[in-house]
Amino acid sequence: MSHHDERTFVMVKPDGVQRGLIGEIVSRFEERGLKLVGGKFMQIDQELAHEHYGEHEDKPFFDDLVDFITSGPVFAMVWEGADATRQVRSMVGETDPAESAPGTIRGDFGLDLGRNVIHASDHEDEGANEREIDLFFDEAELLDYERIDAAWLYEDEDH
């Protein structure tokens, strides 16, 4: 990783997978200039779902969250780039698709709060990224490589 890069966790949820949006979503991040460093097509089990949504354990919607996220395969990813978490969040849109601007992923593909297509780490929660990346990926599954267009993406590339 070069000095200004950050890694962020993103997941296409079961509704996004079922609707055939994995490619579209990956393309948007690639086109923006973010670098894919890990990807995993998987089925989340109860245990992982409980860990992932642990902070919501006491909330009334917790069981629905767990049921939904385990209802079908997901595509978990780690993206890298300058200020990646904030950049990704701005592309994803608000949690509620109705409040998400057209052009954002949720603004373009979502209508319903419970079916909002994608999860992205919260840039305001300091440890969210690392926690979520560690939950879904082993260090060996995350690759370190140079994208050949890096010099065209960043003004101060020093290699």
N, C-alpha and C. Protein backbone atom coordinates (compact mmCIF):
# COMPACT_ATOMS: atom_id res chain seq x y z
N MET A 1 0.85 -1.19 0.00
CA MET A 1 0.00 0.00 0.00
C MET A 1 0.88 1.24 0.00
N SER A 2 0.57 2.19 -0.85
CA SER A 2 1.35 3.43 -0.79
C SER A 2 0.81 4.31 0.33
N HIS A 3 1.53 5.37 0.63
CA HIS A 3 1.30 6.14 1.85
C HIS A 3 -0.11 6.69 2.02
N HIS A 4 -0.82 6.98 0.92
CA HIS A 4 -2.13 7.62 1.07
C HIS A 4 -3.28 6.63 0.95
N ASP A 5 -2.98 5.37 0.84
CA ASP A 5 -4.04 4.41 0.60
C ASP A 5 -4.68 3.88 1.86
N GLU A 6 -5.94 3.57 1.74
CA GLU A 6 -6.73 3.04 2.84
C GLU A 6 -7.54 1.88 2.26
N ARG A 7 -7.81 0.90 3.10
CA ARG A 7 -8.65 -0.23 2.67
C ARG A 7 -10.03 -0.12 3.30
N THR A 8 -11.04 -0.50 2.54
CA THR A 8 -12.40 -0.43 3.06
C THR A 8 -13.20 -1.67 2.66
N PHE A 9 -14.10 -2.08 3.54
CA PHE A 9 -14.91 -3.28 3.33
C PHE A 9 -16.24 -2.93 2.68
N VAL A 10 -16.60 -3.71 1.66
CA VAL A 10 -17.86 -3.52 0.94
C VAL A 10 -18.47 -4.90 0.70
N MET A 11 -19.79 -4.99 0.74
CA MET A 11 -20.44 -6.27 0.47
C MET A 11 -21.72 -6.06 -0.34
N VAL A 12 -21.83 -6.79 -1.44
CA VAL A 12 -23.10 -6.82 -2.17
C VAL A 12 -23.99 -7.79 -1.41
N LYS A 13 -25.12 -7.29 -0.94
CA LYS A 13 -26.04 -8.08 -0.11
C LYS A 13 -26.83 -9.07 -0.98
N PRO A 14 -27.55 -10.01 -0.34
CA PRO A 14 -28.29 -11.02 -1.11
C PRO A 14 -29.23 -10.45 -2.18
N ASP A 15 -29.87 -9.30 -1.91
CA ASP A 15 -30.76 -8.72 -2.92
C ASP A 15 -29.98 -8.24 -4.14
N GLY A 16 -28.80 -7.66 -3.90
CA GLY A 16 -27.95 -7.21 -5.01
C GLY A 16 -27.44 -8.37 -5.84
N VAL A 17 -27.09 -9.47 -5.17
CA VAL A 17 -26.63 -10.68 -5.87
C VAL A 17 -27.77 -11.24 -6.72
N GLN A 18 -28.95 -11.40 -6.11
CA GLN A 18 -30.10 -11.97 -6.82
C GLN A 18 -30.50 -11.11 -8.02
N ARG A 19 -30.30 -9.82 -7.93
CA ARG A 19 -30.69 -8.91 -9.02
C ARG A 19 -29.59 -8.76 -10.07
N GLY A 20 -28.49 -9.50 -9.89
CA GLY A 20 -27.43 -9.48 -10.91
C GLY A 20 -26.64 -8.19 -10.96
N LEU A 21 -26.41 -7.58 -9.79
CA LEU A 21 -25.75 -6.27 -9.75
C LEU A 21 -24.27 -6.32 -9.37
N ILE A 22 -23.71 -7.51 -9.13
CA ILE A 22 -22.30 -7.59 -8.72
C ILE A 22 -21.40 -6.89 -9.74
N GLY A 23 -21.52 -7.23 -10.99
CA GLY A 23 -20.67 -6.66 -12.03
C GLY A 23 -20.78 -5.15 -12.13
N GLU A 24 -22.01 -4.66 -12.09
CA GLU A 24 -22.27 -3.22 -12.16
C GLU A 24 -21.60 -2.49 -10.99
N ILE A 25 -21.74 -3.07 -9.80
CA ILE A 25 -21.18 -2.44 -8.60
C ILE A 25 -19.65 -2.45 -8.64
N VAL A 26 -19.07 -3.61 -9.01
CA VAL A 26 -17.61 -3.71 -9.13
C VAL A 26 -17.11 -2.69 -10.16
N SER A 27 -17.79 -2.59 -11.28
CA SER A 27 -17.39 -1.65 -12.34
C SER A 27 -17.35 -0.21 -11.84
N ARG A 28 -18.34 0.17 -11.07
CA ARG A 28 -18.37 1.55 -10.57
C ARG A 28 -17.14 1.88 -9.73
N PHE A 29 -16.76 0.95 -8.85
CA PHE A 29 -15.59 1.21 -8.01
C PHE A 29 -14.31 1.18 -8.85
N GLU A 30 -14.23 0.25 -9.80
CA GLU A 30 -13.06 0.19 -10.68
C GLU A 30 -12.92 1.47 -11.50
N GLU A 31 -14.03 1.91 -12.08
CA GLU A 31 -14.01 3.11 -12.92
C GLU A 31 -13.62 4.35 -12.11
N ARG A 32 -14.00 4.36 -10.85
CA ARG A 32 -13.66 5.50 -9.99
C ARG A 32 -12.15 5.55 -9.74
N GLY A 33 -11.49 4.40 -9.86
CA GLY A 33 -10.04 4.35 -9.64
C GLY A 33 -9.65 3.57 -8.40
N LEU A 34 -10.65 3.03 -7.68
CA LEU A 34 -10.34 2.22 -6.52
C LEU A 34 -9.79 0.87 -6.98
N LYS A 35 -8.98 0.25 -6.13
CA LYS A 35 -8.31 -1.01 -6.50
C LYS A 35 -8.88 -2.15 -5.66
N LEU A 36 -9.34 -3.19 -6.34
CA LEU A 36 -9.86 -4.37 -5.66
C LEU A 36 -8.69 -5.18 -5.12
N VAL A 37 -8.66 -5.42 -3.80
CA VAL A 37 -7.55 -6.20 -3.23
C VAL A 37 -8.02 -7.52 -2.62
N GLY A 38 -9.35 -7.71 -2.55
CA GLY A 38 -9.88 -8.98 -2.05
C GLY A 38 -11.33 -9.13 -2.45
N GLY A 39 -11.73 -10.35 -2.76
CA GLY A 39 -13.12 -10.61 -3.12
C GLY A 39 -13.49 -12.04 -2.79
N LYS A 40 -14.72 -12.23 -2.32
CA LYS A 40 -15.15 -13.56 -1.89
C LYS A 40 -16.66 -13.71 -2.07
N PHE A 41 -17.06 -14.68 -2.88
CA PHE A 41 -18.47 -14.99 -3.06
C PHE A 41 -18.80 -16.06 -2.04
N MET A 42 -19.73 -15.79 -1.14
CA MET A 42 -19.91 -16.67 0.00
C MET A 42 -21.33 -16.65 0.55
N GLN A 43 -21.61 -17.64 1.36
CA GLN A 43 -22.87 -17.71 2.10
C GLN A 43 -22.55 -17.40 3.56
N ILE A 44 -23.17 -16.37 4.10
CA ILE A 44 -22.94 -16.01 5.51
C ILE A 44 -23.77 -16.92 6.41
N ASP A 45 -23.12 -17.51 7.41
CA ASP A 45 -23.87 -18.35 8.35
C ASP A 45 -24.33 -17.51 9.56
N GLN A 46 -25.12 -18.14 10.42
CA GLN A 46 -25.69 -17.45 11.59
C GLN A 46 -24.60 -16.80 12.44
N GLU A 47 -23.54 -17.56 12.69
CA GLU A 47 -22.48 -17.08 13.57
C GLU A 47 -21.84 -15.79 13.04
N LEU A 48 -21.48 -15.80 11.76
CA LEU A 48 -20.86 -14.63 11.14
C LEU A 48 -21.85 -13.46 11.10
N ALA A 49 -23.10 -13.75 10.81
CA ALA A 49 -24.14 -12.70 10.76
C ALA A 49 -24.25 -12.03 12.13
N HIS A 50 -24.23 -12.83 13.19
CA HIS A 50 -24.33 -12.28 14.55
C HIS A 50 -23.12 -11.42 14.89
N GLU A 51 -21.94 -11.86 14.46
CA GLU A 51 -20.73 -11.06 14.70
C GLU A 51 -20.78 -9.76 13.90
N HIS A 52 -21.18 -9.88 12.63
CA HIS A 52 -21.20 -8.72 11.74
C HIS A 52 -22.17 -7.64 12.24
N TYR A 53 -23.33 -8.08 12.70
CA TYR A 53 -24.36 -7.13 13.16
C TYR A 53 -24.44 -7.02 14.67
N GLY A 54 -23.36 -7.44 15.37
CA GLY A 54 -23.34 -7.46 16.82
C GLY A 54 -23.82 -6.20 17.51
N GLU A 55 -23.49 -5.04 16.92
CA GLU A 55 -23.86 -3.76 17.54
C GLU A 55 -25.38 -3.57 17.60
N HIS A 56 -26.12 -4.31 16.76
CA HIS A 56 -27.58 -4.16 16.70
C HIS A 56 -28.32 -5.24 17.48
N GLU A 57 -27.57 -6.06 18.20
CA GLU A 57 -28.12 -7.24 18.88
C GLU A 57 -29.39 -6.95 19.68
N ASP A 58 -29.46 -5.78 20.32
CA ASP A 58 -30.60 -5.46 21.19
C ASP A 58 -31.76 -4.80 20.46
N LYS A 59 -31.58 -4.50 19.19
CA LYS A 59 -32.61 -3.76 18.47
C LYS A 59 -33.70 -4.70 17.95
N PRO A 60 -34.91 -4.18 17.81
CA PRO A 60 -36.04 -5.04 17.38
C PRO A 60 -35.85 -5.62 15.97
N PHE A 61 -35.09 -4.94 15.12
CA PHE A 61 -34.92 -5.41 13.74
C PHE A 61 -33.77 -6.40 13.58
N PHE A 62 -33.09 -6.75 14.68
CA PHE A 62 -31.89 -7.59 14.60
C PHE A 62 -32.15 -8.94 13.91
N ASP A 63 -33.21 -9.64 14.31
CA ASP A 63 -33.49 -10.96 13.73
C ASP A 63 -33.75 -10.86 12.22
N ASP A 64 -34.43 -9.79 11.80
CA ASP A 64 -34.70 -9.59 10.38
C ASP A 64 -33.41 -9.36 9.61
N LEU A 65 -32.50 -8.59 10.20
CA LEU A 65 -31.18 -8.35 9.58
C LEU A 65 -30.46 -9.66 9.35
N VAL A 66 -30.42 -10.49 10.41
CA VAL A 66 -29.72 -11.78 10.34
C VAL A 66 -30.38 -12.69 9.31
N ASP A 67 -31.71 -12.76 9.35
CA ASP A 67 -32.44 -13.60 8.38
C ASP A 67 -32.12 -13.17 6.95
N PHE A 68 -32.13 -11.87 6.73
CA PHE A 68 -31.90 -11.36 5.38
C PHE A 68 -30.47 -11.62 4.89
N ILE A 69 -29.49 -11.30 5.71
CA ILE A 69 -28.10 -11.40 5.27
C ILE A 69 -27.67 -12.86 5.08
N THR A 70 -28.41 -13.80 5.69
CA THR A 70 -28.11 -15.24 5.52
C THR A 70 -29.04 -15.89 4.50
N SER A 71 -29.88 -15.09 3.83
CA SER A 71 -30.92 -15.65 2.95
C SER A 71 -30.39 -16.07 1.57
N GLY A 72 -29.18 -15.70 1.25
CA GLY A 72 -28.60 -16.06 -0.05
C GLY A 72 -27.17 -15.60 -0.07
N PRO A 73 -26.45 -15.93 -1.15
CA PRO A 73 -25.03 -15.56 -1.21
C PRO A 73 -24.82 -14.05 -1.22
N VAL A 74 -23.63 -13.66 -0.76
CA VAL A 74 -23.19 -12.26 -0.80
C VAL A 74 -21.84 -12.22 -1.50
N PHE A 75 -21.45 -11.03 -1.94
CA PHE A 75 -20.11 -10.86 -2.50
C PHE A 75 -19.37 -9.84 -1.64
N ALA A 76 -18.42 -10.34 -0.84
CA ALA A 76 -17.64 -9.50 0.07
C ALA A 76 -16.37 -9.05 -0.64
N MET A 77 -16.00 -7.79 -0.42
CA MET A 77 -14.84 -7.22 -1.11
C MET A 77 -14.06 -6.29 -0.21
N VAL A 78 -12.79 -6.11 -0.55
CA VAL A 78 -11.98 -5.07 0.06
C VAL A 78 -11.42 -4.22 -1.08
N TRP A 79 -11.66 -2.91 -0.98
CA TRP A 79 -11.19 -1.95 -1.97
C TRP A 79 -10.15 -1.05 -1.33
N GLU A 80 -9.21 -0.60 -2.16
CA GLU A 80 -8.12 0.23 -1.66
C GLU A 80 -8.01 1.49 -2.50
N GLY A 81 -7.68 2.59 -1.83
CA GLY A 81 -7.48 3.85 -2.53
C GLY A 81 -7.36 4.99 -1.53
N ALA A 82 -7.06 6.18 -2.04
CA ALA A 82 -6.95 7.35 -1.17
C ALA A 82 -8.31 7.62 -0.54
N ASP A 83 -8.34 7.68 0.80
CA ASP A 83 -9.57 8.02 1.51
C ASP A 83 -10.71 7.09 1.09
N ALA A 84 -10.38 5.81 0.90
CA ALA A 84 -11.31 4.85 0.29
C ALA A 84 -12.66 4.76 0.99
N THR A 85 -12.66 4.77 2.32
CA THR A 85 -13.92 4.58 3.04
C THR A 85 -14.91 5.70 2.74
N ARG A 86 -14.43 6.92 2.79
CA ARG A 86 -15.30 8.07 2.52
C ARG A 86 -15.74 8.10 1.05
N GLN A 87 -14.80 7.77 0.16
CA GLN A 87 -15.12 7.76 -1.27
C GLN A 87 -16.22 6.73 -1.56
N VAL A 88 -16.04 5.53 -0.99
CA VAL A 88 -17.02 4.46 -1.20
C VAL A 88 -18.38 4.85 -0.63
N ARG A 89 -18.39 5.39 0.59
CA ARG A 89 -19.66 5.78 1.21
C ARG A 89 -20.41 6.80 0.36
N SER A 90 -19.68 7.73 -0.22
CA SER A 90 -20.35 8.74 -1.04
C SER A 90 -20.94 8.12 -2.31
N MET A 91 -20.31 7.07 -2.82
CA MET A 91 -20.83 6.38 -4.01
C MET A 91 -22.02 5.48 -3.67
N VAL A 92 -22.03 4.95 -2.45
CA VAL A 92 -23.08 4.03 -2.02
C VAL A 92 -24.39 4.78 -1.73
N GLY A 93 -24.29 5.95 -1.11
CA GLY A 93 -25.49 6.72 -0.78
C GLY A 93 -25.93 6.49 0.66
N GLU A 94 -27.07 7.05 1.01
CA GLU A 94 -27.60 6.95 2.37
C GLU A 94 -28.14 5.54 2.62
N THR A 95 -28.23 5.18 3.91
CA THR A 95 -28.77 3.86 4.27
C THR A 95 -30.15 3.64 3.67
N ASP A 96 -30.98 4.67 3.68
CA ASP A 96 -32.32 4.60 3.09
C ASP A 96 -32.23 5.05 1.62
N PRO A 97 -32.51 4.12 0.69
CA PRO A 97 -32.43 4.49 -0.73
C PRO A 97 -33.27 5.71 -1.10
N ALA A 98 -34.39 5.91 -0.39
CA ALA A 98 -35.26 7.05 -0.69
C ALA A 98 -34.54 8.38 -0.45
N GLU A 99 -33.52 8.37 0.41
CA GLU A 99 -32.77 9.59 0.71
C GLU A 99 -31.45 9.65 -0.07
N SER A 100 -31.22 8.66 -0.92
CA SER A 100 -29.96 8.59 -1.67
C SER A 100 -30.11 9.26 -3.02
N ALA A 101 -29.11 10.07 -3.36
CA ALA A 101 -29.16 10.79 -4.63
C ALA A 101 -29.06 9.84 -5.81
N PRO A 102 -29.79 10.12 -6.91
CA PRO A 102 -29.57 9.38 -8.15
C PRO A 102 -28.09 9.48 -8.50
N GLY A 103 -27.54 8.40 -9.03
CA GLY A 103 -26.11 8.37 -9.31
C GLY A 103 -25.36 7.58 -8.25
N THR A 104 -25.93 7.50 -7.04
CA THR A 104 -25.34 6.63 -6.02
C THR A 104 -25.86 5.22 -6.26
N ILE A 105 -25.19 4.22 -5.70
CA ILE A 105 -25.61 2.84 -5.91
C ILE A 105 -27.02 2.61 -5.36
N ARG A 106 -27.26 3.06 -4.12
CA ARG A 106 -28.60 2.87 -3.56
C ARG A 106 -29.64 3.76 -4.23
N GLY A 107 -29.23 4.95 -4.64
CA GLY A 107 -30.14 5.86 -5.34
C GLY A 107 -30.55 5.33 -6.70
N ASP A 108 -29.69 4.54 -7.31
CA ASP A 108 -30.00 3.97 -8.63
C ASP A 108 -30.68 2.61 -8.56
N PHE A 109 -30.41 1.84 -7.51
CA PHE A 109 -30.88 0.45 -7.49
C PHE A 109 -31.77 0.08 -6.32
N GLY A 110 -32.08 1.03 -5.43
CA GLY A 110 -32.87 0.67 -4.26
C GLY A 110 -34.11 1.52 -4.10
N LEU A 111 -35.13 0.92 -3.49
CA LEU A 111 -36.34 1.64 -3.14
C LEU A 111 -36.68 1.48 -1.67
N ASP A 112 -36.17 0.40 -1.08
CA ASP A 112 -36.61 -0.02 0.24
C ASP A 112 -35.44 -0.08 1.21
N LEU A 113 -35.64 0.43 2.42
CA LEU A 113 -34.59 0.46 3.43
C LEU A 113 -34.02 -0.93 3.73
N GLY A 114 -34.89 -1.93 3.79
CA GLY A 114 -34.46 -3.30 4.11
C GLY A 114 -33.86 -4.03 2.93
N ARG A 115 -33.94 -3.43 1.74
CA ARG A 115 -33.37 -4.03 0.52
C ARG A 115 -32.51 -2.98 -0.15
N ASN A 116 -31.39 -2.65 0.51
CA ASN A 116 -30.60 -1.52 -0.02
C ASN A 116 -29.32 -1.96 -0.72
N VAL A 117 -29.29 -3.24 -1.17
CA VAL A 117 -28.33 -3.74 -2.16
C VAL A 117 -26.89 -3.94 -1.68
N ILE A 118 -26.39 -3.03 -0.84
CA ILE A 118 -24.95 -3.02 -0.57
C ILE A 118 -24.67 -2.58 0.87
N HIS A 119 -23.59 -3.13 1.41
CA HIS A 119 -23.09 -2.68 2.71
C HIS A 119 -21.70 -2.09 2.50
N ALA A 120 -21.41 -0.98 3.17
CA ALA A 120 -20.07 -0.41 3.13
C ALA A 120 -19.69 0.03 4.53
N SER A 121 -18.41 -0.11 4.88
CA SER A 121 -17.94 0.30 6.20
C SER A 121 -18.23 1.78 6.44
N ASP A 122 -18.52 2.09 7.69
CA ASP A 122 -18.86 3.46 8.08
C ASP A 122 -17.60 4.29 8.28
N HIS A 123 -17.45 5.37 7.54
CA HIS A 123 -16.24 6.19 7.67
C HIS A 123 -16.20 6.96 8.98
N GLU A 124 -17.32 7.05 9.68
CA GLU A 124 -17.33 7.77 10.95
C GLU A 124 -17.03 6.84 12.13
N ASP A 125 -17.03 5.54 11.87
CA ASP A 125 -16.69 4.56 12.91
C ASP A 125 -15.25 4.12 12.68
N GLU A 126 -14.36 4.68 13.46
CA GLU A 126 -12.92 4.50 13.31
C GLU A 126 -12.50 3.05 13.05
N GLY A 127 -12.99 2.11 13.86
CA GLY A 127 -12.51 0.74 13.75
C GLY A 127 -13.32 -0.17 12.84
N ALA A 128 -14.39 0.35 12.25
CA ALA A 128 -15.33 -0.48 11.47
C ALA A 128 -14.64 -1.26 10.35
N ASN A 129 -13.81 -0.53 9.59
CA ASN A 129 -13.13 -1.14 8.46
C ASN A 129 -12.31 -2.36 8.83
N GLU A 130 -11.41 -2.16 9.77
CA GLU A 130 -10.51 -3.24 10.15
C GLU A 130 -11.29 -4.42 10.73
N ARG A 131 -12.27 -4.10 11.57
CA ARG A 131 -13.10 -5.13 12.20
C ARG A 131 -13.80 -5.97 11.13
N GLU A 132 -14.41 -5.30 10.16
CA GLU A 132 -15.16 -6.02 9.12
C GLU A 132 -14.24 -6.77 8.16
N ILE A 133 -13.13 -6.15 7.81
CA ILE A 133 -12.17 -6.84 6.93
C ILE A 133 -11.68 -8.12 7.62
N ASP A 134 -11.31 -8.01 8.91
CA ASP A 134 -10.82 -9.17 9.66
C ASP A 134 -11.87 -10.26 9.81
N LEU A 135 -13.12 -9.87 9.88
CA LEU A 135 -14.22 -10.81 10.04
C LEU A 135 -14.39 -11.67 8.79
N PHE A 136 -14.18 -11.07 7.62
CA PHE A 136 -14.46 -11.74 6.36
C PHE A 136 -13.23 -12.26 5.61
N PHE A 137 -12.06 -11.71 5.91
CA PHE A 137 -10.86 -12.08 5.15
C PHE A 137 -9.67 -12.39 6.05
N ASP A 138 -8.87 -13.38 5.63
CA ASP A 138 -7.56 -13.61 6.24
C ASP A 138 -6.58 -12.71 5.50
N GLU A 139 -5.51 -12.32 6.18
CA GLU A 139 -4.52 -11.44 5.57
C GLU A 139 -4.02 -11.98 4.23
N ALA A 140 -3.86 -13.30 4.14
CA ALA A 140 -3.34 -13.93 2.91
C ALA A 140 -4.29 -13.77 1.72
N GLU A 141 -5.55 -13.47 2.00
CA GLU A 141 -6.54 -13.32 0.92
C GLU A 141 -6.57 -11.90 0.36
N LEU A 142 -5.82 -11.00 0.98
CA LEU A 142 -5.77 -9.62 0.50
C LEU A 142 -4.46 -9.40 -0.24
N LEU A 143 -4.56 -8.98 -1.48
CA LEU A 143 -3.39 -8.88 -2.35
C LEU A 143 -2.84 -7.47 -2.41
N ASP A 144 -1.53 -7.40 -2.53
CA ASP A 144 -0.85 -6.11 -2.66
C ASP A 144 -0.25 -6.05 -4.05
N TYR A 145 -0.69 -5.12 -4.86
CA TYR A 145 -0.15 -5.00 -6.23
C TYR A 145 -0.36 -3.57 -6.71
N GLU A 146 0.38 -3.20 -7.74
CA GLU A 146 0.23 -1.87 -8.33
C GLU A 146 -0.74 -1.92 -9.49
N ARG A 147 -1.67 -0.99 -9.52
CA ARG A 147 -2.50 -0.83 -10.71
C ARG A 147 -1.70 0.02 -11.69
N ILE A 148 -1.71 -0.37 -12.97
CA ILE A 148 -0.85 0.32 -13.93
C ILE A 148 -1.27 1.77 -14.19
N ASP A 149 -2.49 2.12 -13.78
CA ASP A 149 -2.94 3.51 -14.02
C ASP A 149 -2.77 4.41 -12.80
N ALA A 150 -2.06 3.93 -11.77
CA ALA A 150 -1.95 4.69 -10.53
C ALA A 150 -1.44 6.12 -10.75
N ALA A 151 -0.48 6.28 -11.65
CA ALA A 151 0.10 7.61 -11.91
C ALA A 151 -0.94 8.56 -12.50
N TRP A 152 -1.99 8.00 -13.10
CA TRP A 152 -3.03 8.82 -13.72
C TRP A 152 -4.18 9.08 -12.76
N LEU A 153 -4.17 8.39 -11.62
CA LEU A 153 -5.24 8.55 -10.64
C LEU A 153 -4.88 9.52 -9.54
N TYR A 154 -3.58 9.60 -9.24
CA TYR A 154 -3.13 10.42 -8.12
C TYR A 154 -2.05 11.38 -8.58
N GLU A 155 -2.17 12.64 -8.18
CA GLU A 155 -1.24 13.67 -8.60
C GLU A 155 0.16 13.44 -8.04
N ASP A 156 0.24 12.91 -6.82
CA ASP A 156 1.54 12.83 -6.17
C ASP A 156 2.11 11.42 -6.09
N GLU A 157 1.80 10.57 -7.07
CA GLU A 157 2.37 9.22 -7.08
C GLU A 157 3.89 9.31 -7.06
N ASP A 158 4.50 8.58 -6.14
CA ASP A 158 5.95 8.71 -6.01
C ASP A 158 6.70 7.45 -6.45
N HIS A 159 6.16 6.75 -7.43
CA HIS A 159 6.90 5.59 -7.93
C HIS A 159 6.88 5.52 -9.44
